[in-house]
């Protein structure tokens, strides 16, 4: 298991849990802004996990696959299953946001006034 996956999925279940919207809103003062931040972080996590998965699966790629090689590649199947069992990036991002592990800043609106 890679450091990134281990770091991200510590203490987070695969199941969706209900969250108190007031807790999410309290971080920024605006629920929609908080959800936008969580969504952007979820996209970042998703991209990094996808790159990591593709890099690992690239090791198994060969251009002259026979039918036997395709069915016998159990390591590749196990890697794919491990990524499928991981929590959803939105769950990871929400937990990071609530634990104050996400850095965000507001744009200065006075620049154009």
N, C-alpha and C. Protein backbone atom coordinates (compact mmCIF):
# COMPACT_ATOMS: atom_id res chain seq x y z
N UNK A 1 0.85 -1.18 0.00
CA UNK A 1 0.00 0.00 0.00
C UNK A 1 0.90 1.24 0.00
N UNK A 2 0.59 2.19 -0.84
CA UNK A 2 1.42 3.38 -0.97
C UNK A 2 1.20 4.33 0.20
N UNK A 3 2.15 5.24 0.37
CA UNK A 3 2.05 6.22 1.45
C UNK A 3 0.83 7.11 1.28
N UNK A 4 0.55 7.50 0.04
CA UNK A 4 -0.59 8.38 -0.21
C UNK A 4 -1.89 7.71 0.21
N UNK A 5 -2.10 6.48 -0.22
CA UNK A 5 -3.34 5.78 0.13
C UNK A 5 -3.42 5.55 1.63
N UNK A 6 -2.32 5.16 2.24
CA UNK A 6 -2.32 4.93 3.68
C UNK A 6 -2.64 6.22 4.43
N UNK A 7 -2.03 7.31 3.99
CA UNK A 7 -2.23 8.61 4.64
C UNK A 7 -3.68 9.07 4.50
N UNK A 8 -4.24 8.89 3.33
CA UNK A 8 -5.58 9.41 3.07
C UNK A 8 -6.68 8.61 3.74
N UNK A 9 -6.52 7.30 3.81
CA UNK A 9 -7.64 6.49 4.26
C UNK A 9 -7.56 6.07 5.73
N UNK A 10 -6.68 6.65 6.50
CA UNK A 10 -6.57 6.31 7.91
C UNK A 10 -7.82 6.78 8.66
N UNK A 11 -8.51 5.86 9.28
CA UNK A 11 -9.65 6.20 10.13
C UNK A 11 -10.91 6.60 9.39
N UNK A 12 -10.96 6.37 8.09
CA UNK A 12 -12.14 6.73 7.33
C UNK A 12 -12.79 5.46 6.79
N UNK A 13 -14.07 5.33 7.02
CA UNK A 13 -14.79 4.16 6.54
C UNK A 13 -15.26 4.38 5.10
N UNK A 14 -15.59 3.30 4.43
CA UNK A 14 -16.09 3.38 3.06
C UNK A 14 -17.54 3.80 3.01
N UNK A 15 -18.20 3.79 4.14
CA UNK A 15 -19.63 4.10 4.19
C UNK A 15 -19.86 5.60 4.35
N UNK A 16 -20.90 6.06 3.73
CA UNK A 16 -21.27 7.46 3.83
C UNK A 16 -21.92 7.69 5.19
N UNK A 17 -21.50 8.74 5.86
CA UNK A 17 -22.08 9.10 7.15
C UNK A 17 -22.75 10.46 7.02
N UNK A 18 -23.84 10.63 7.74
CA UNK A 18 -24.48 11.94 7.72
C UNK A 18 -23.60 12.94 8.47
N UNK A 19 -23.57 14.14 7.97
CA UNK A 19 -22.76 15.20 8.57
C UNK A 19 -23.68 16.35 8.97
N UNK A 20 -23.29 17.03 10.01
CA UNK A 20 -24.02 18.21 10.45
C UNK A 20 -23.65 19.38 9.53
N UNK A 21 -24.60 19.92 8.83
CA UNK A 21 -24.33 21.00 7.89
C UNK A 21 -23.82 22.26 8.60
N UNK A 22 -24.21 22.44 9.84
CA UNK A 22 -23.71 23.60 10.59
C UNK A 22 -22.21 23.50 10.82
N UNK A 23 -21.69 22.29 11.03
CA UNK A 23 -20.24 22.11 11.19
C UNK A 23 -19.51 22.45 9.90
N UNK A 24 -20.06 22.04 8.78
CA UNK A 24 -19.44 22.33 7.49
C UNK A 24 -19.51 23.83 7.20
N UNK A 25 -20.65 24.43 7.49
CA UNK A 25 -20.85 25.86 7.23
C UNK A 25 -19.95 26.71 8.14
N UNK A 26 -19.69 26.25 9.35
CA UNK A 26 -18.94 27.03 10.32
C UNK A 26 -17.50 27.32 9.88
N UNK A 27 -16.94 26.48 9.05
CA UNK A 27 -15.54 26.67 8.62
C UNK A 27 -15.36 27.90 7.75
N UNK A 28 -16.35 28.20 6.90
CA UNK A 28 -16.22 29.33 5.99
C UNK A 28 -17.29 30.39 6.19
N UNK A 29 -18.37 30.04 6.86
CA UNK A 29 -19.48 30.96 7.02
C UNK A 29 -20.51 30.83 5.92
N UNK A 30 -20.23 29.98 4.94
CA UNK A 30 -21.15 29.78 3.81
C UNK A 30 -21.11 28.31 3.43
N UNK A 31 -22.25 27.66 3.47
CA UNK A 31 -22.32 26.23 3.19
C UNK A 31 -21.86 25.92 1.77
N UNK A 32 -22.28 26.72 0.80
CA UNK A 32 -21.94 26.45 -0.59
C UNK A 32 -20.45 26.64 -0.85
N UNK A 33 -19.85 27.60 -0.19
CA UNK A 33 -18.41 27.80 -0.32
C UNK A 33 -17.66 26.61 0.27
N UNK A 34 -18.12 26.12 1.40
CA UNK A 34 -17.50 24.94 2.02
C UNK A 34 -17.60 23.72 1.11
N UNK A 35 -18.77 23.52 0.51
CA UNK A 35 -18.95 22.38 -0.38
C UNK A 35 -18.08 22.53 -1.63
N UNK A 36 -17.92 23.74 -2.11
CA UNK A 36 -17.05 23.98 -3.26
C UNK A 36 -15.60 23.63 -2.93
N UNK A 37 -15.15 24.00 -1.75
CA UNK A 37 -13.79 23.68 -1.32
C UNK A 37 -13.61 22.17 -1.20
N UNK A 38 -14.59 21.50 -0.61
CA UNK A 38 -14.53 20.04 -0.47
C UNK A 38 -14.50 19.40 -1.86
N UNK A 39 -15.30 19.89 -2.79
CA UNK A 39 -15.32 19.35 -4.14
C UNK A 39 -14.00 19.51 -4.86
N UNK A 40 -13.38 20.67 -4.70
CA UNK A 40 -12.07 20.90 -5.35
C UNK A 40 -11.01 19.99 -4.75
N UNK A 41 -11.05 19.80 -3.44
CA UNK A 41 -10.08 18.89 -2.81
C UNK A 41 -10.32 17.45 -3.24
N UNK A 42 -11.59 17.06 -3.38
CA UNK A 42 -11.92 15.70 -3.83
C UNK A 42 -11.37 15.47 -5.24
N UNK A 43 -11.46 16.47 -6.10
CA UNK A 43 -10.89 16.35 -7.44
C UNK A 43 -9.38 16.18 -7.40
N UNK A 44 -8.71 16.92 -6.51
CA UNK A 44 -7.25 16.78 -6.37
C UNK A 44 -6.89 15.36 -5.92
N UNK A 45 -7.61 14.85 -4.94
CA UNK A 45 -7.35 13.50 -4.44
C UNK A 45 -7.60 12.48 -5.54
N UNK A 46 -8.69 12.65 -6.27
CA UNK A 46 -9.04 11.72 -7.33
C UNK A 46 -7.96 11.68 -8.42
N UNK A 47 -7.46 12.83 -8.81
CA UNK A 47 -6.43 12.89 -9.84
C UNK A 47 -5.16 12.20 -9.37
N UNK A 48 -4.75 12.46 -8.14
CA UNK A 48 -3.51 11.85 -7.64
C UNK A 48 -3.66 10.33 -7.49
N UNK A 49 -4.81 9.87 -7.04
CA UNK A 49 -5.02 8.43 -6.92
C UNK A 49 -5.07 7.76 -8.29
N UNK A 50 -5.70 8.43 -9.24
CA UNK A 50 -5.79 7.88 -10.59
C UNK A 50 -4.40 7.78 -11.23
N UNK A 51 -3.58 8.80 -11.05
CA UNK A 51 -2.21 8.76 -11.58
C UNK A 51 -1.41 7.63 -10.94
N UNK A 52 -1.57 7.48 -9.64
CA UNK A 52 -0.85 6.43 -8.93
C UNK A 52 -1.29 5.05 -9.42
N UNK A 53 -2.58 4.84 -9.59
CA UNK A 53 -3.09 3.57 -10.08
C UNK A 53 -2.59 3.28 -11.48
N UNK A 54 -2.65 4.27 -12.36
CA UNK A 54 -2.18 4.06 -13.73
C UNK A 54 -0.68 3.76 -13.77
N UNK A 55 0.11 4.40 -12.91
CA UNK A 55 1.54 4.10 -12.85
C UNK A 55 1.79 2.67 -12.40
N UNK A 56 1.03 2.21 -11.43
CA UNK A 56 1.20 0.83 -10.97
C UNK A 56 0.76 -0.17 -12.03
N UNK A 57 -0.33 0.11 -12.69
CA UNK A 57 -0.82 -0.81 -13.72
C UNK A 57 0.03 -0.77 -14.98
N UNK A 58 0.73 0.33 -15.19
CA UNK A 58 1.63 0.45 -16.35
C UNK A 58 2.76 -0.58 -16.27
N UNK A 59 3.16 -0.95 -15.07
CA UNK A 59 4.21 -1.96 -14.90
C UNK A 59 3.80 -3.30 -15.50
N UNK A 60 2.49 -3.56 -15.53
CA UNK A 60 2.00 -4.85 -16.02
C UNK A 60 1.69 -4.84 -17.51
N UNK A 61 1.73 -3.68 -18.12
CA UNK A 61 1.35 -3.56 -19.52
C UNK A 61 2.41 -4.19 -20.41
N UNK A 62 1.94 -4.98 -21.35
CA UNK A 62 2.83 -5.50 -22.38
C UNK A 62 2.05 -5.48 -23.68
N UNK A 63 2.75 -5.26 -24.75
CA UNK A 63 2.09 -5.08 -26.04
C UNK A 63 1.86 -6.41 -26.76
N UNK A 64 2.39 -7.48 -26.21
CA UNK A 64 2.21 -8.79 -26.84
C UNK A 64 1.53 -9.74 -25.87
N UNK A 65 0.39 -9.34 -25.36
CA UNK A 65 -0.34 -10.17 -24.41
C UNK A 65 -0.96 -11.37 -25.11
N UNK A 66 -0.79 -12.51 -24.49
CA UNK A 66 -1.51 -13.68 -24.96
C UNK A 66 -2.74 -13.84 -24.06
N UNK A 67 -3.64 -14.67 -24.44
CA UNK A 67 -4.86 -14.89 -23.67
C UNK A 67 -4.55 -15.40 -22.27
N UNK A 68 -3.53 -16.25 -22.14
CA UNK A 68 -3.16 -16.79 -20.83
C UNK A 68 -2.62 -15.70 -19.91
N UNK A 69 -1.82 -14.79 -20.45
CA UNK A 69 -1.24 -13.71 -19.64
C UNK A 69 -2.32 -12.79 -19.10
N UNK A 70 -3.35 -12.56 -19.87
CA UNK A 70 -4.43 -11.67 -19.43
C UNK A 70 -5.17 -12.26 -18.26
N UNK A 71 -5.45 -13.56 -18.29
CA UNK A 71 -6.21 -14.20 -17.23
C UNK A 71 -5.36 -14.54 -16.01
N UNK A 72 -4.06 -14.58 -16.15
CA UNK A 72 -3.19 -15.01 -15.06
C UNK A 72 -2.61 -13.86 -14.24
N UNK A 73 -2.92 -12.64 -14.57
CA UNK A 73 -2.30 -11.51 -13.90
C UNK A 73 -3.06 -11.17 -12.61
N UNK A 74 -2.84 -11.96 -11.59
CA UNK A 74 -3.55 -11.78 -10.33
C UNK A 74 -3.09 -10.55 -9.55
N UNK A 75 -1.82 -10.20 -9.68
CA UNK A 75 -1.32 -9.01 -8.97
C UNK A 75 -2.03 -7.75 -9.45
N UNK A 76 -2.23 -7.65 -10.73
CA UNK A 76 -2.93 -6.51 -11.30
C UNK A 76 -4.37 -6.45 -10.79
N UNK A 77 -5.01 -7.58 -10.69
CA UNK A 77 -6.37 -7.63 -10.18
C UNK A 77 -6.42 -7.21 -8.72
N UNK A 78 -5.47 -7.65 -7.93
CA UNK A 78 -5.42 -7.27 -6.51
C UNK A 78 -5.20 -5.78 -6.32
N UNK A 79 -4.34 -5.19 -7.14
CA UNK A 79 -4.10 -3.75 -7.06
C UNK A 79 -5.40 -3.00 -7.38
N UNK A 80 -6.08 -3.41 -8.42
CA UNK A 80 -7.34 -2.77 -8.80
C UNK A 80 -8.38 -2.90 -7.70
N UNK A 81 -8.47 -4.07 -7.10
CA UNK A 81 -9.44 -4.28 -6.02
C UNK A 81 -9.12 -3.43 -4.79
N UNK A 82 -7.83 -3.26 -4.50
CA UNK A 82 -7.45 -2.44 -3.36
C UNK A 82 -7.89 -0.99 -3.56
N UNK A 83 -7.76 -0.49 -4.78
CA UNK A 83 -8.19 0.87 -5.06
C UNK A 83 -9.71 0.98 -5.03
N UNK A 84 -10.41 -0.07 -5.44
CA UNK A 84 -11.87 -0.04 -5.40
C UNK A 84 -12.40 -0.03 -3.97
N UNK A 85 -11.66 -0.64 -3.04
CA UNK A 85 -12.09 -0.70 -1.64
C UNK A 85 -11.80 0.59 -0.88
N UNK A 86 -11.02 1.46 -1.47
CA UNK A 86 -10.69 2.73 -0.80
C UNK A 86 -11.92 3.60 -0.66
N UNK A 87 -11.94 4.46 0.34
CA UNK A 87 -13.04 5.42 0.47
C UNK A 87 -13.10 6.36 -0.74
N UNK A 88 -14.28 6.81 -1.03
CA UNK A 88 -14.51 7.74 -2.11
C UNK A 88 -13.72 9.03 -1.85
N UNK A 89 -13.14 9.66 -2.88
CA UNK A 89 -12.41 10.92 -2.68
C UNK A 89 -13.24 12.01 -2.01
N UNK A 90 -14.54 12.03 -2.24
CA UNK A 90 -15.39 13.03 -1.58
C UNK A 90 -15.45 12.79 -0.08
N UNK A 91 -15.47 11.52 0.33
CA UNK A 91 -15.45 11.22 1.77
C UNK A 91 -14.12 11.63 2.39
N UNK A 92 -13.03 11.36 1.67
CA UNK A 92 -11.71 11.76 2.17
C UNK A 92 -11.60 13.28 2.28
N UNK A 93 -12.07 13.98 1.26
CA UNK A 93 -11.99 15.44 1.26
C UNK A 93 -12.85 16.05 2.37
N UNK A 94 -14.02 15.49 2.59
CA UNK A 94 -14.90 15.99 3.64
C UNK A 94 -14.24 15.82 5.01
N UNK A 95 -13.64 14.68 5.24
CA UNK A 95 -12.98 14.43 6.52
C UNK A 95 -11.80 15.37 6.71
N UNK A 96 -11.01 15.57 5.65
CA UNK A 96 -9.88 16.50 5.73
C UNK A 96 -10.38 17.92 6.04
N UNK A 97 -11.45 18.32 5.41
CA UNK A 97 -12.01 19.66 5.62
C UNK A 97 -12.46 19.84 7.06
N UNK A 98 -13.16 18.85 7.58
CA UNK A 98 -13.65 18.95 8.96
C UNK A 98 -12.53 18.87 9.98
N UNK A 99 -11.42 18.22 9.63
CA UNK A 99 -10.27 18.11 10.52
C UNK A 99 -9.28 19.27 10.34
N UNK A 100 -9.66 20.28 9.57
CA UNK A 100 -8.82 21.46 9.29
C UNK A 100 -7.49 21.09 8.64
N UNK A 101 -7.52 20.12 7.75
CA UNK A 101 -6.31 19.71 7.03
C UNK A 101 -6.28 20.27 5.61
N UNK A 102 -7.28 21.06 5.24
CA UNK A 102 -7.36 21.65 3.91
C UNK A 102 -7.08 23.14 4.04
N UNK A 103 -6.10 23.61 3.26
CA UNK A 103 -5.79 25.03 3.24
C UNK A 103 -6.62 25.69 2.15
N UNK A 104 -7.29 26.76 2.48
CA UNK A 104 -8.04 27.52 1.49
C UNK A 104 -7.98 28.98 1.88
N UNK A 105 -8.18 29.83 0.89
CA UNK A 105 -8.20 31.27 1.15
C UNK A 105 -9.23 31.91 0.24
N UNK A 106 -9.73 33.03 0.67
CA UNK A 106 -10.71 33.76 -0.11
C UNK A 106 -10.00 34.78 -0.98
N UNK A 107 -10.51 34.97 -2.17
CA UNK A 107 -9.97 36.00 -3.04
C UNK A 107 -10.32 37.36 -2.47
N UNK A 108 -9.45 38.32 -2.65
CA UNK A 108 -9.68 39.67 -2.14
C UNK A 108 -10.61 40.39 -3.10
N UNK A 109 -11.85 40.60 -2.69
CA UNK A 109 -12.86 41.22 -3.55
C UNK A 109 -12.68 42.73 -3.67
N UNK A 110 -11.85 43.34 -2.84
CA UNK A 110 -11.65 44.79 -2.86
C UNK A 110 -10.76 45.23 -4.02
N UNK A 111 -10.14 44.30 -4.71
CA UNK A 111 -9.24 44.68 -5.80
C UNK A 111 -9.96 45.34 -6.96
N UNK A 112 -11.20 44.96 -7.20
CA UNK A 112 -11.93 45.48 -8.35
C UNK A 112 -12.97 46.53 -7.96
N UNK A 113 -13.00 46.95 -6.74
CA UNK A 113 -14.00 47.94 -6.31
C UNK A 113 -13.50 49.34 -6.55
